[in-house]
Structure formats: C-alpha cells, structure tokens
Amino acid sequence: QVYLGEDQIDLDQLIIRMAELTKNGAEERIYVRGDASADYGTVMKVMGVLSGAGYSKIGLITSQEQGQ
C-alpha cells in the first residue's frame, strides 16, 4: 500500500498527486517513510517512480523504536 500523507493512493497516481502538492515541482525535497512491515522493494519502487519523474531530492524518514 502506498500513501501520500494520510491518503492511500495507487502508485500510478503518485506523480500526478505530487505535482498538485509541490510548489517547486521536481526541485521540492521529498521524504519517503515506510513502517516496519513495509517491503523494501516497494519502498525502492516508490523512490524509483519519484526519481523517474525528475525528483532528485528524495530522503528516507526513520523512527526510533519505542524504549530506545
């Protein structure tokens, strides 16, 4: 499953929705976050779609486990 903010979207709609939300187009910094059950291949596919659309400032967000 792929989400943009709190909304679940189809991966083929990601770039269309990103274009609607970003002010600076492909120059915008984009952050990708996956939960503990996220498949690495899916995260890489999302990053690949963004990169293919010209977004070059892509970062990963991680969270510390509770109690650390």
N, C-alpha and C. Protein backbone atom coordinates (compact mmCIF):
# COMPACT_ATOMS: atom_id res chain seq x y z
N GLN A 1 0.84 -1.18 0.00
CA GLN A 1 0.00 0.00 0.00
C GLN A 1 0.88 1.24 0.00
N VAL A 2 0.47 2.22 -0.76
CA VAL A 2 1.22 3.47 -0.85
C VAL A 2 0.31 4.60 -0.38
N TYR A 3 0.86 5.46 0.47
CA TYR A 3 0.11 6.60 1.00
C TYR A 3 0.82 7.89 0.63
N LEU A 4 0.03 8.90 0.40
CA LEU A 4 0.54 10.25 0.25
C LEU A 4 -0.11 11.04 1.37
N GLY A 5 0.68 11.38 2.38
CA GLY A 5 0.08 11.92 3.61
C GLY A 5 -0.72 10.82 4.27
N GLU A 6 -1.96 11.06 4.53
CA GLU A 6 -2.84 10.07 5.16
C GLU A 6 -3.72 9.33 4.16
N ASP A 7 -3.60 9.68 2.87
CA ASP A 7 -4.47 9.12 1.84
C ASP A 7 -3.79 7.98 1.10
N GLN A 8 -4.46 6.82 1.06
CA GLN A 8 -3.94 5.71 0.28
C GLN A 8 -4.17 6.02 -1.20
N ILE A 9 -3.12 5.82 -2.01
CA ILE A 9 -3.23 6.09 -3.44
C ILE A 9 -2.62 4.93 -4.23
N ASP A 10 -2.97 4.85 -5.50
CA ASP A 10 -2.33 3.90 -6.40
C ASP A 10 -0.99 4.49 -6.82
N LEU A 11 0.01 3.64 -6.98
CA LEU A 11 1.34 4.11 -7.34
C LEU A 11 1.32 4.88 -8.65
N ASP A 12 0.44 4.50 -9.58
CA ASP A 12 0.40 5.20 -10.86
C ASP A 12 -0.19 6.61 -10.74
N GLN A 13 -0.76 6.95 -9.60
CA GLN A 13 -1.29 8.30 -9.35
C GLN A 13 -0.32 9.18 -8.56
N LEU A 14 0.79 8.60 -8.12
CA LEU A 14 1.71 9.32 -7.24
C LEU A 14 2.24 10.61 -7.87
N ILE A 15 2.72 10.55 -9.08
CA ILE A 15 3.33 11.73 -9.70
C ILE A 15 2.28 12.80 -9.97
N ILE A 16 1.10 12.40 -10.37
CA ILE A 16 0.02 13.36 -10.60
C ILE A 16 -0.30 14.10 -9.30
N ARG A 17 -0.43 13.36 -8.22
CA ARG A 17 -0.74 13.97 -6.92
C ARG A 17 0.42 14.82 -6.41
N MET A 18 1.67 14.36 -6.64
CA MET A 18 2.83 15.13 -6.22
C MET A 18 2.86 16.48 -6.93
N ALA A 19 2.56 16.48 -8.21
CA ALA A 19 2.56 17.72 -8.99
C ALA A 19 1.53 18.71 -8.44
N GLU A 20 0.41 18.18 -7.94
CA GLU A 20 -0.63 19.04 -7.36
C GLU A 20 -0.19 19.64 -6.03
N LEU A 21 0.65 18.94 -5.30
CA LEU A 21 1.01 19.34 -3.93
C LEU A 21 2.31 20.12 -3.82
N THR A 22 3.22 19.94 -4.75
CA THR A 22 4.52 20.60 -4.62
C THR A 22 4.51 21.99 -5.23
N LYS A 23 5.17 22.90 -4.55
CA LYS A 23 5.25 24.28 -5.01
C LYS A 23 6.38 24.48 -6.02
N ASN A 24 7.47 23.75 -5.82
CA ASN A 24 8.65 23.93 -6.66
C ASN A 24 8.87 22.77 -7.63
N GLY A 25 7.83 22.01 -7.92
CA GLY A 25 7.95 20.89 -8.85
C GLY A 25 9.00 19.90 -8.41
N ALA A 26 9.79 19.45 -9.35
CA ALA A 26 10.79 18.42 -9.07
C ALA A 26 11.93 18.93 -8.20
N GLU A 27 12.01 20.23 -7.95
CA GLU A 27 13.04 20.77 -7.06
C GLU A 27 12.66 20.62 -5.58
N GLU A 28 11.45 20.23 -5.31
CA GLU A 28 10.96 20.05 -3.94
C GLU A 28 11.67 18.88 -3.28
N ARG A 29 11.95 19.00 -1.98
CA ARG A 29 12.52 17.88 -1.22
C ARG A 29 11.37 16.95 -0.84
N ILE A 30 11.54 15.66 -1.13
CA ILE A 30 10.51 14.65 -0.89
C ILE A 30 11.04 13.66 0.15
N TYR A 31 10.20 13.32 1.12
CA TYR A 31 10.56 12.34 2.14
C TYR A 31 9.68 11.11 2.00
N VAL A 32 10.31 9.94 2.03
CA VAL A 32 9.62 8.66 1.95
C VAL A 32 9.76 7.98 3.29
N ARG A 33 8.65 7.46 3.81
CA ARG A 33 8.67 6.75 5.10
C ARG A 33 7.96 5.42 4.92
N GLY A 34 8.52 4.37 5.47
CA GLY A 34 7.87 3.06 5.47
C GLY A 34 7.75 2.55 6.88
N ASP A 35 6.65 1.88 7.18
CA ASP A 35 6.53 1.32 8.53
C ASP A 35 7.29 0.00 8.60
N ALA A 36 7.28 -0.62 9.76
CA ALA A 36 8.08 -1.83 9.97
C ALA A 36 7.68 -2.97 9.04
N SER A 37 6.46 -2.97 8.56
CA SER A 37 6.02 -4.06 7.68
C SER A 37 6.23 -3.73 6.20
N ALA A 38 6.77 -2.56 5.90
CA ALA A 38 6.96 -2.16 4.50
C ALA A 38 8.00 -3.04 3.83
N ASP A 39 7.69 -3.47 2.64
CA ASP A 39 8.59 -4.27 1.84
C ASP A 39 9.64 -3.35 1.22
N TYR A 40 10.91 -3.70 1.35
CA TYR A 40 12.00 -2.88 0.83
C TYR A 40 11.83 -2.62 -0.66
N GLY A 41 11.40 -3.63 -1.40
CA GLY A 41 11.21 -3.48 -2.84
C GLY A 41 10.16 -2.44 -3.17
N THR A 42 9.10 -2.37 -2.38
CA THR A 42 8.05 -1.37 -2.60
C THR A 42 8.57 0.03 -2.32
N VAL A 43 9.33 0.18 -1.25
CA VAL A 43 9.92 1.48 -0.93
C VAL A 43 10.83 1.92 -2.07
N MET A 44 11.63 1.01 -2.60
CA MET A 44 12.53 1.34 -3.70
C MET A 44 11.74 1.66 -4.98
N LYS A 45 10.61 0.98 -5.19
CA LYS A 45 9.78 1.26 -6.35
C LYS A 45 9.21 2.68 -6.27
N VAL A 46 8.75 3.08 -5.10
CA VAL A 46 8.22 4.44 -4.90
C VAL A 46 9.32 5.45 -5.18
N MET A 47 10.52 5.20 -4.65
CA MET A 47 11.63 6.11 -4.88
C MET A 47 12.01 6.15 -6.36
N GLY A 48 11.93 5.02 -7.04
CA GLY A 48 12.23 4.97 -8.46
C GLY A 48 11.23 5.75 -9.29
N VAL A 49 9.95 5.67 -8.94
CA VAL A 49 8.92 6.44 -9.64
C VAL A 49 9.16 7.92 -9.46
N LEU A 50 9.47 8.34 -8.24
CA LEU A 50 9.76 9.75 -7.98
C LEU A 50 10.99 10.21 -8.75
N SER A 51 12.04 9.41 -8.70
CA SER A 51 13.28 9.75 -9.40
C SER A 51 13.05 9.83 -10.91
N GLY A 52 12.29 8.90 -11.45
CA GLY A 52 11.99 8.89 -12.87
C GLY A 52 11.21 10.11 -13.32
N ALA A 53 10.48 10.72 -12.41
CA ALA A 53 9.70 11.91 -12.72
C ALA A 53 10.53 13.19 -12.52
N GLY A 54 11.81 13.03 -12.16
CA GLY A 54 12.68 14.20 -12.04
C GLY A 54 12.92 14.67 -10.62
N TYR A 55 12.29 14.04 -9.63
CA TYR A 55 12.54 14.41 -8.24
C TYR A 55 13.89 13.83 -7.83
N SER A 56 14.85 14.68 -7.52
CA SER A 56 16.19 14.20 -7.18
C SER A 56 16.52 14.38 -5.70
N LYS A 57 15.72 15.13 -4.98
CA LYS A 57 15.95 15.37 -3.55
C LYS A 57 15.00 14.48 -2.75
N ILE A 58 15.34 13.19 -2.68
CA ILE A 58 14.49 12.21 -2.03
C ILE A 58 15.21 11.70 -0.80
N GLY A 59 14.56 11.77 0.35
CA GLY A 59 15.15 11.29 1.59
C GLY A 59 14.26 10.24 2.23
N LEU A 60 14.85 9.46 3.11
CA LEU A 60 14.11 8.46 3.88
C LEU A 60 13.95 8.95 5.30
N ILE A 61 12.77 8.73 5.85
CA ILE A 61 12.50 9.06 7.24
C ILE A 61 12.47 7.77 8.03
N THR A 62 13.16 7.74 9.15
CA THR A 62 13.12 6.59 10.03
C THR A 62 12.67 7.05 11.41
N SER A 63 12.14 6.12 12.17
CA SER A 63 11.78 6.44 13.55
C SER A 63 12.46 5.44 14.46
N GLN A 64 12.81 5.93 15.64
CA GLN A 64 13.41 5.04 16.63
C GLN A 64 12.34 4.15 17.21
N GLU A 65 12.76 2.92 17.56
CA GLU A 65 11.82 2.03 18.22
C GLU A 65 11.51 2.57 19.61
N GLN A 66 10.31 2.30 20.08
CA GLN A 66 9.90 2.72 21.42
C GLN A 66 10.86 2.14 22.45
N GLY A 67 11.23 2.95 23.43
CA GLY A 67 12.09 2.50 24.51
C GLY A 67 13.57 2.65 24.24
N GLN A 68 13.94 3.24 23.10
CA GLN A 68 15.36 3.43 22.83
C GLN A 68 15.76 4.85 23.01
